[in-house]
Amino acid sequence: MPPRTIAPLAVAALALLAERAMHPYEMYQLLIKRHEDKVVKLSAGTLYRAIERLDADGLIVAEGTEREGNRPERTLYAITAAGHDALRARIAAMLGEHVNEFPQFSLAIGEAHNLPRAEVIDLLTARLRSLDEVVSYIDAHLPGPLEESGVERRWILNVDYTRTMLLAEAAWVRTTRDQISSGDIPWRTDGDLLAGREK
């Protein structure tokens, strides 16, 4: 199976199984605990479908079952040699190649001139609040100073990256909002916008 076809959630699942054999529910709980749901789209259903696909593709294998208390039996999965190879290849491709992910904000800010200046300023201010909330959430859930927490930085590079990108976006949005507000970025008047709509 070509590495490119492995979806991000499947990569996260393979990475967990590279640590040790697990059942899907345990994987789901661990992904939530590690806040991976902030990095990949995650639900119990999508994870189970990813596990089924990885199993069908021979990248993981059912290793047995386990039962806790009176809960139903759960199938334990382990990564195969092919799974290890596919995981490494997919991570390498994702790290080394820029892919345009077509973020909505790029389109929206490019077309923001179609809205009145005051509305754009209000919307960018709201976006700044939202960005600040996410950064605050990350800061509140980081394990504290890494040297004291025992968590190796390599385990949370994705969190560090996400936080850095959010801060960079917030700085750009703040500067751009202020430039629109001050008139450094010229904006059509409400009358111009209405005239364009009437044509």
C-alpha atoms as a PDB file:
ATOM      1  CA  MET A   1       0.000   0.000   0.000  1.00  0.00           C
ATOM      2  CA  PRO A   2       1.532   3.354  -0.977  1.00  0.00           C
ATOM      3  CA  PRO A   3       2.382   5.462   2.088  1.00  0.00           C
ATOM      4  CA  ARG A   4       0.512   8.503   0.761  1.00  0.00           C
ATOM      5  CA  THR A   5      -2.849   6.776   1.147  1.00  0.00           C
ATOM      6  CA  ILE A   6      -2.482   6.493   4.929  1.00  0.00           C
ATOM      7  CA  ALA A   7      -4.753   9.130   6.461  1.00  0.00           C
ATOM      8  CA  PRO A   8      -3.563  11.254   9.407  1.00  0.00           C
ATOM      9  CA  LEU A   9      -5.737   9.372  11.913  1.00  0.00           C
ATOM     10  CA  ALA A  10      -4.305   6.074  10.674  1.00  0.00           C
ATOM     11  CA  VAL A  11      -0.794   7.480  11.132  1.00  0.00           C
ATOM     12  CA  ALA A  12      -1.685   8.367  14.735  1.00  0.00           C
ATOM     13  CA  ALA A  13      -3.066   4.844  15.268  1.00  0.00           C
ATOM     14  CA  LEU A  14       0.029   3.181  13.803  1.00  0.00           C
ATOM     15  CA  ALA A  15       2.242   5.379  15.978  1.00  0.00           C
ATOM     16  CA  LEU A  16       0.389   4.220  19.094  1.00  0.00           C
ATOM     17  CA  LEU A  17       0.742   0.586  18.086  1.00  0.00           C
ATOM     18  CA  ALA A  18       4.454   1.155  17.495  1.00  0.00           C
ATOM     19  CA  GLU A  19       4.591   1.748  21.266  1.00  0.00           C
ATOM     20  CA  ARG A  20       2.731  -1.478  22.188  1.00  0.00           C
ATOM     21  CA  ALA A  21      -0.280  -3.616  21.330  1.00  0.00           C
ATOM     22  CA  MET A  22      -3.607  -2.006  22.257  1.00  0.00           C
ATOM     23  CA  HIS A  23      -7.317  -2.338  21.685  1.00  0.00           C
ATOM     24  CA  PRO A  24      -9.108   0.477  19.795  1.00  0.00           C
ATOM     25  CA  TYR A  25     -10.900   1.867  22.845  1.00  0.00           C
ATOM     26  CA  GLU A  26      -7.601   2.202  24.708  1.00  0.00           C
ATOM     27  CA  MET A  27      -6.129   3.896  21.642  1.00  0.00           C
ATOM     28  CA  TYR A  28      -9.027   6.333  21.532  1.00  0.00           C
ATOM     29  CA  GLN A  29      -8.661   7.167  25.229  1.00  0.00           C
ATOM     30  CA  LEU A  30      -4.899   7.655  24.870  1.00  0.00           C
ATOM     31  CA  LEU A  31      -5.315   9.937  21.842  1.00  0.00           C
ATOM     32  CA  ILE A  32      -7.758  12.071  23.824  1.00  0.00           C
ATOM     33  CA  LYS A  33      -5.463  12.119  26.872  1.00  0.00           C
ATOM     34  CA  ARG A  34      -2.566  13.270  24.691  1.00  0.00           C
ATOM     35  CA  HIS A  35      -4.787  15.916  23.058  1.00  0.00           C
ATOM     36  CA  GLU A  36      -4.222  14.395  19.617  1.00  0.00           C
ATOM     37  CA  ASP A  37      -7.829  15.348  18.831  1.00  0.00           C
ATOM     38  CA  LYS A  38      -6.447  18.860  18.400  1.00  0.00           C
ATOM     39  CA  VAL A  39      -4.170  17.571  15.624  1.00  0.00           C
ATOM     40  CA  VAL A  40      -6.334  15.027  13.755  1.00  0.00           C
ATOM     41  CA  LYS A  41     -10.080  14.684  13.298  1.00  0.00           C
ATOM     42  CA  LEU A  42     -10.998  12.066  15.874  1.00  0.00           C
ATOM     43  CA  SER A  43     -14.105  10.187  16.896  1.00  0.00           C
ATOM     44  CA  ALA A  44     -14.499   6.632  18.159  1.00  0.00           C
ATOM     45  CA  GLY A  45     -16.218   5.658  14.912  1.00  0.00           C
ATOM     46  CA  THR A  46     -13.552   7.076  12.606  1.00  0.00           C
ATOM     47  CA  LEU A  47     -10.815   5.439  14.679  1.00  0.00           C
ATOM     48  CA  TYR A  48     -12.513   2.024  14.476  1.00  0.00           C
ATOM     49  CA  ARG A  49     -12.842   2.416  10.700  1.00  0.00           C
ATOM     50  CA  ALA A  50      -9.158   3.358  10.457  1.00  0.00           C
ATOM     51  CA  ILE A  51      -8.252   0.248  12.473  1.00  0.00           C
ATOM     52  CA  GLU A  52     -10.358  -1.941  10.158  1.00  0.00           C
ATOM     53  CA  ARG A  53      -8.605  -0.461   7.109  1.00  0.00           C
ATOM     54  CA  LEU A  54      -5.130  -0.893   8.610  1.00  0.00           C
ATOM     55  CA  ASP A  55      -5.993  -4.501   9.459  1.00  0.00           C
ATOM     56  CA  ALA A  56      -7.321  -5.186   5.955  1.00  0.00           C
ATOM     57  CA  ASP A  57      -4.140  -3.682   4.473  1.00  0.00           C
ATOM     58  CA  GLY A  58      -1.910  -5.901   6.622  1.00  0.00           C
ATOM     59  CA  LEU A  59      -0.355  -2.982   8.495  1.00  0.00           C
ATOM     60  CA  ILE A  60      -1.692  -4.223  11.836  1.00  0.00           C
ATOM     61  CA  VAL A  61      -2.817  -7.634  13.032  1.00  0.00           C
ATOM     62  CA  ALA A  62      -5.221  -8.857  15.693  1.00  0.00           C
ATOM     63  CA  GLU A  63      -3.081 -10.310  18.456  1.00  0.00           C
ATOM     64  CA  GLY A  64      -5.761 -11.638  20.788  1.00  0.00           C
ATOM     65  CA  THR A  65      -8.495 -10.369  23.055  1.00  0.00           C
ATOM     66  CA  GLU A  66      -8.749  -9.131  26.598  1.00  0.00           C
ATOM     67  CA  ARG A  67     -11.596  -8.545  28.993  1.00  0.00           C
ATOM     68  CA  GLU A  68     -11.780  -6.092  31.883  1.00  0.00           C
ATOM     69  CA  GLY A  69     -14.413  -6.922  34.499  1.00  0.00           C
ATOM     70  CA  ASN A  70     -17.801  -7.544  32.931  1.00  0.00           C
ATOM     71  CA  ARG A  71     -17.042  -5.474  29.829  1.00  0.00           C
ATOM     72  CA  PRO A  72     -17.174  -7.168  26.416  1.00  0.00           C
ATOM     73  CA  GLU A  73     -13.992  -8.681  25.023  1.00  0.00           C
ATOM     74  CA  ARG A  74     -11.770  -6.263  23.150  1.00  0.00           C
ATOM     75  CA  THR A  75      -9.445  -7.165  20.307  1.00  0.00           C
ATOM     76  CA  LEU A  76      -5.790  -6.266  20.807  1.00  0.00           C
ATOM     77  CA  TYR A  77      -3.945  -5.086  17.717  1.00  0.00           C
ATOM     78  CA  ALA A  78      -0.211  -4.992  17.036  1.00  0.00           C
ATOM     79  CA  ILE A  79       1.703  -3.259  14.272  1.00  0.00           C
ATOM     80  CA  THR A  80       3.279  -5.469  11.618  1.00  0.00           C
ATOM     81  CA  ALA A  81       6.668  -5.052   9.947  1.00  0.00           C
ATOM     82  CA  ALA A  82       4.831  -3.651   6.921  1.00  0.00           C
ATOM     83  CA  GLY A  83       3.039  -1.273   9.286  1.00  0.00           C
ATOM     84  CA  HIS A  84       6.350  -0.024  10.692  1.00  0.00           C
ATOM     85  CA  ASP A  85       7.662   0.536   7.165  1.00  0.00           C
ATOM     86  CA  ALA A  86       4.480   2.339   6.079  1.00  0.00           C
ATOM     87  CA  LEU A  87       4.497   4.502   9.218  1.00  0.00           C
ATOM     88  CA  ARG A  88       8.101   5.582   8.695  1.00  0.00           C
ATOM     89  CA  ALA A  89       7.529   6.249   4.992  1.00  0.00           C
ATOM     90  CA  ARG A  90       4.376   8.297   5.606  1.00  0.00           C
ATOM     91  CA  ILE A  91       5.966  10.369   8.363  1.00  0.00           C
ATOM     92  CA  ALA A  92       8.995  11.029   6.145  1.00  0.00           C
ATOM     93  CA  ALA A  93       6.751  12.153   3.270  1.00  0.00           C
ATOM     94  CA  MET A  94       4.699  14.404   5.567  1.00  0.00           C
ATOM     95  CA  LEU A  95       7.819  15.970   7.096  1.00  0.00           C
ATOM     96  CA  GLY A  96       9.724  16.564   3.882  1.00  0.00           C
ATOM     97  CA  GLU A  97       7.076  17.843   1.485  1.00  0.00           C
ATOM     98  CA  HIS A  98       4.977  20.999   1.697  1.00  0.00           C
ATOM     99  CA  VAL A  99       1.358  20.281   0.848  1.00  0.00           C
ATOM    100  CA  ASN A 100      -1.157  23.062   0.335  1.00  0.00           C
ATOM    101  CA  GLU A 101      -3.962  22.139   2.721  1.00  0.00           C
ATOM    102  CA  PHE A 102      -6.244  24.884   1.389  1.00  0.00           C
ATOM    103  CA  PRO A 103      -7.037  26.607   4.685  1.00  0.00           C
ATOM    104  CA  GLN A 104     -10.300  28.557   4.697  1.00  0.00           C
ATOM    105  CA  PHE A 105      -8.731  31.596   6.328  1.00  0.00           C
ATOM    106  CA  SER A 106      -6.461  32.228   3.320  1.00  0.00           C
ATOM    107  CA  LEU A 107      -9.495  32.431   1.069  1.00  0.00           C
ATOM    108  CA  ALA A 108     -11.503  34.519   3.554  1.00  0.00           C
ATOM    109  CA  ILE A 109      -8.788  37.112   4.164  1.00  0.00           C
ATOM    110  CA  GLY A 110      -8.142  37.360   0.420  1.00  0.00           C
ATOM    111  CA  GLU A 111     -11.822  38.202  -0.127  1.00  0.00           C
ATOM    112  CA  ALA A 112     -12.339  40.279   3.037  1.00  0.00           C
ATOM    113  CA  HIS A 113     -12.383  43.449   0.915  1.00  0.00           C
ATOM    114  CA  ASN A 114     -15.963  42.500   0.022  1.00  0.00           C
ATOM    115  CA  LEU A 115     -17.046  43.314   3.596  1.00  0.00           C
ATOM    116  CA  PRO A 116     -17.237  46.698   5.293  1.00  0.00           C
ATOM    117  CA  ARG A 117     -14.104  47.831   7.133  1.00  0.00           C
ATOM    118  CA  ALA A 118     -15.802  47.851  10.572  1.00  0.00           C
ATOM    119  CA  GLU A 119     -17.092  44.294  10.119  1.00  0.00           C
ATOM    120  CA  VAL A 120     -13.674  43.011   9.058  1.00  0.00           C
ATOM    121  CA  ILE A 121     -12.085  44.678  12.082  1.00  0.00           C
ATOM    122  CA  ASP A 122     -14.699  43.077  14.379  1.00  0.00           C
ATOM    123  CA  LEU A 123     -14.239  39.658  12.784  1.00  0.00           C
ATOM    124  CA  LEU A 124     -10.446  39.801  13.021  1.00  0.00           C
ATOM    125  CA  THR A 125     -10.761  40.863  16.659  1.00  0.00           C
ATOM    126  CA  ALA A 126     -13.011  37.843  17.282  1.00  0.00           C
ATOM    127  CA  ARG A 127     -10.453  35.613  15.538  1.00  0.00           C
ATOM    128  CA  LEU A 128      -7.731  36.991  17.799  1.00  0.00           C
ATOM    129  CA  ARG A 129      -9.813  36.082  20.863  1.00  0.00           C
ATOM    130  CA  SER A 130     -10.287  32.580  19.474  1.00  0.00           C
ATOM    131  CA  LEU A 131      -6.553  32.178  18.788  1.00  0.00           C
ATOM    132  CA  ASP A 132      -5.727  33.423  22.289  1.00  0.00           C
ATOM    133  CA  GLU A 133      -8.165  30.887  23.772  1.00  0.00           C
ATOM    134  CA  VAL A 134      -6.502  28.005  21.942  1.00  0.00           C
ATOM    135  CA  VAL A 135      -3.017  29.116  23.027  1.00  0.00           C
ATOM    136  CA  SER A 136      -4.262  29.456  26.609  1.00  0.00           C
ATOM    137  CA  TYR A 137      -5.734  25.948  26.405  1.00  0.00           C
ATOM    138  CA  ILE A 138      -2.412  24.559  25.175  1.00  0.00           C
ATOM    139  CA  ASP A 139      -0.502  26.397  27.897  1.00  0.00           C
ATOM    140  CA  ALA A 140      -2.878  25.110  30.570  1.00  0.00           C
ATOM    141  CA  HIS A 141      -2.485  21.501  29.396  1.00  0.00           C
ATOM    142  CA  LEU A 142       1.246  21.410  28.810  1.00  0.00           C
ATOM    143  CA  PRO A 143       2.945  19.246  31.423  1.00  0.00           C
ATOM    144  CA  GLY A 144       4.785  22.230  32.920  1.00  0.00           C
ATOM    145  CA  PRO A 145       8.481  22.880  32.415  1.00  0.00           C
ATOM    146  CA  LEU A 146       9.701  19.925  30.379  1.00  0.00           C
ATOM    147  CA  GLU A 147      12.821  19.441  32.450  1.00  0.00           C
ATOM    148  CA  GLU A 148      10.599  18.980  35.541  1.00  0.00           C
ATOM    149  CA  SER A 149       7.751  17.007  33.995  1.00  0.00           C
ATOM    150  CA  GLY A 150       9.702  14.030  32.732  1.00  0.00           C
ATOM    151  CA  VAL A 151       8.009  14.424  29.322  1.00  0.00           C
ATOM    152  CA  GLU A 152      10.566  14.411  26.553  1.00  0.00           C
ATOM    153  CA  ARG A 153      10.172  17.291  24.123  1.00  0.00           C
ATOM    154  CA  ARG A 154      10.141  14.903  21.168  1.00  0.00           C
ATOM    155  CA  TRP A 155       6.724  13.646  22.331  1.00  0.00           C
ATOM    156  CA  ILE A 156       5.127  17.090  22.108  1.00  0.00           C
ATOM    157  CA  LEU A 157       6.839  18.695  19.113  1.00  0.00           C
ATOM    158  CA  ASN A 158       3.417  18.837  17.436  1.00  0.00           C
ATOM    159  CA  VAL A 159       2.037  20.870  20.347  1.00  0.00           C
ATOM    160  CA  ASP A 160       5.052  23.189  20.242  1.00  0.00           C
ATOM    161  CA  TYR A 161       4.619  23.627  16.480  1.00  0.00           C
ATOM    162  CA  THR A 162       0.877  24.284  16.757  1.00  0.00           C
ATOM    163  CA  ARG A 163       1.405  26.864  19.505  1.00  0.00           C
ATOM    164  CA  THR A 164       4.122  28.624  17.491  1.00  0.00           C
ATOM    165  CA  MET A 165       1.932  28.761  14.362  1.00  0.00           C
ATOM    166  CA  LEU A 166      -1.021  30.114  16.354  1.00  0.00           C
ATOM    167  CA  LEU A 167       1.136  32.846  17.868  1.00  0.00           C
ATOM    168  CA  ALA A 168       2.494  33.767  14.430  1.00  0.00           C
ATOM    169  CA  GLU A 169      -1.024  33.902  12.995  1.00  0.00           C
ATOM    170  CA  ALA A 170      -2.221  36.030  15.913  1.00  0.00           C
ATOM    171  CA  ALA A 171       0.648  38.485  15.378  1.00  0.00           C
ATOM    172  CA  TRP A 172      -0.172  38.740  11.666  1.00  0.00           C
ATOM    173  CA  VAL A 173      -3.918  39.146  12.268  1.00  0.00           C
ATOM    174  CA  ARG A 174      -3.315  41.817  14.923  1.00  0.00           C
ATOM    175  CA  THR A 175      -1.000  43.822  12.632  1.00  0.00           C
ATOM    176  CA  THR A 176      -3.339  43.490   9.647  1.00  0.00           C
ATOM    177  CA  ARG A 177      -6.403  44.451  11.681  1.00  0.00           C
ATOM    178  CA  ASP A 178      -4.593  47.515  13.003  1.00  0.00           C
ATOM    179  CA  GLN A 179      -3.478  48.502   9.483  1.00  0.00           C
ATOM    180  CA  ILE A 180      -7.050  48.207   8.189  1.00  0.00           C
ATOM    181  CA  SER A 181      -8.292  50.211  11.157  1.00  0.00           C
ATOM    182  CA  SER A 182      -5.722  52.993  10.704  1.00  0.00           C
ATOM    183  CA  GLY A 183      -6.233  53.224   6.935  1.00  0.00           C
ATOM    184  CA  ASP A 184      -2.705  51.994   6.139  1.00  0.00           C
ATOM    185  CA  ILE A 185      -4.511  49.319   4.126  1.00  0.00           C
ATOM    186  CA  PRO A 186      -7.038  51.263   2.016  1.00  0.00           C
ATOM    187  CA  TRP A 187     -10.587  49.923   2.165  1.00  0.00           C
ATOM    188  CA  ARG A 188     -13.632  50.563   0.056  1.00  0.00           C
ATOM    189  CA  THR A 189     -16.342  52.550   1.764  1.00  0.00           C
ATOM    190  CA  ASP A 190     -19.739  51.100   2.563  1.00  0.00           C
ATOM    191  CA  GLY A 191     -21.093  53.220  -0.291  1.00  0.00           C
ATOM    192  CA  ASP A 192     -18.630  51.658  -2.744  1.00  0.00           C
ATOM    193  CA  LEU A 193     -19.618  48.187  -1.563  1.00  0.00           C
ATOM    194  CA  LEU A 194     -23.310  48.979  -2.030  1.00  0.00           C
ATOM    195  CA  ALA A 195     -22.678  50.477  -5.464  1.00  0.00           C
ATOM    196  CA  GLY A 196     -20.858  47.317  -6.533  1.00  0.00           C
ATOM    197  CA  ARG A 197     -23.749  45.183  -5.349  1.00  0.00           C
ATOM    198  CA  GLU A 198     -26.275  47.237  -7.312  1.00  0.00           C
ATOM    199  CA  LYS A 199     -24.444  46.844 -10.633  1.00  0.00           C
END
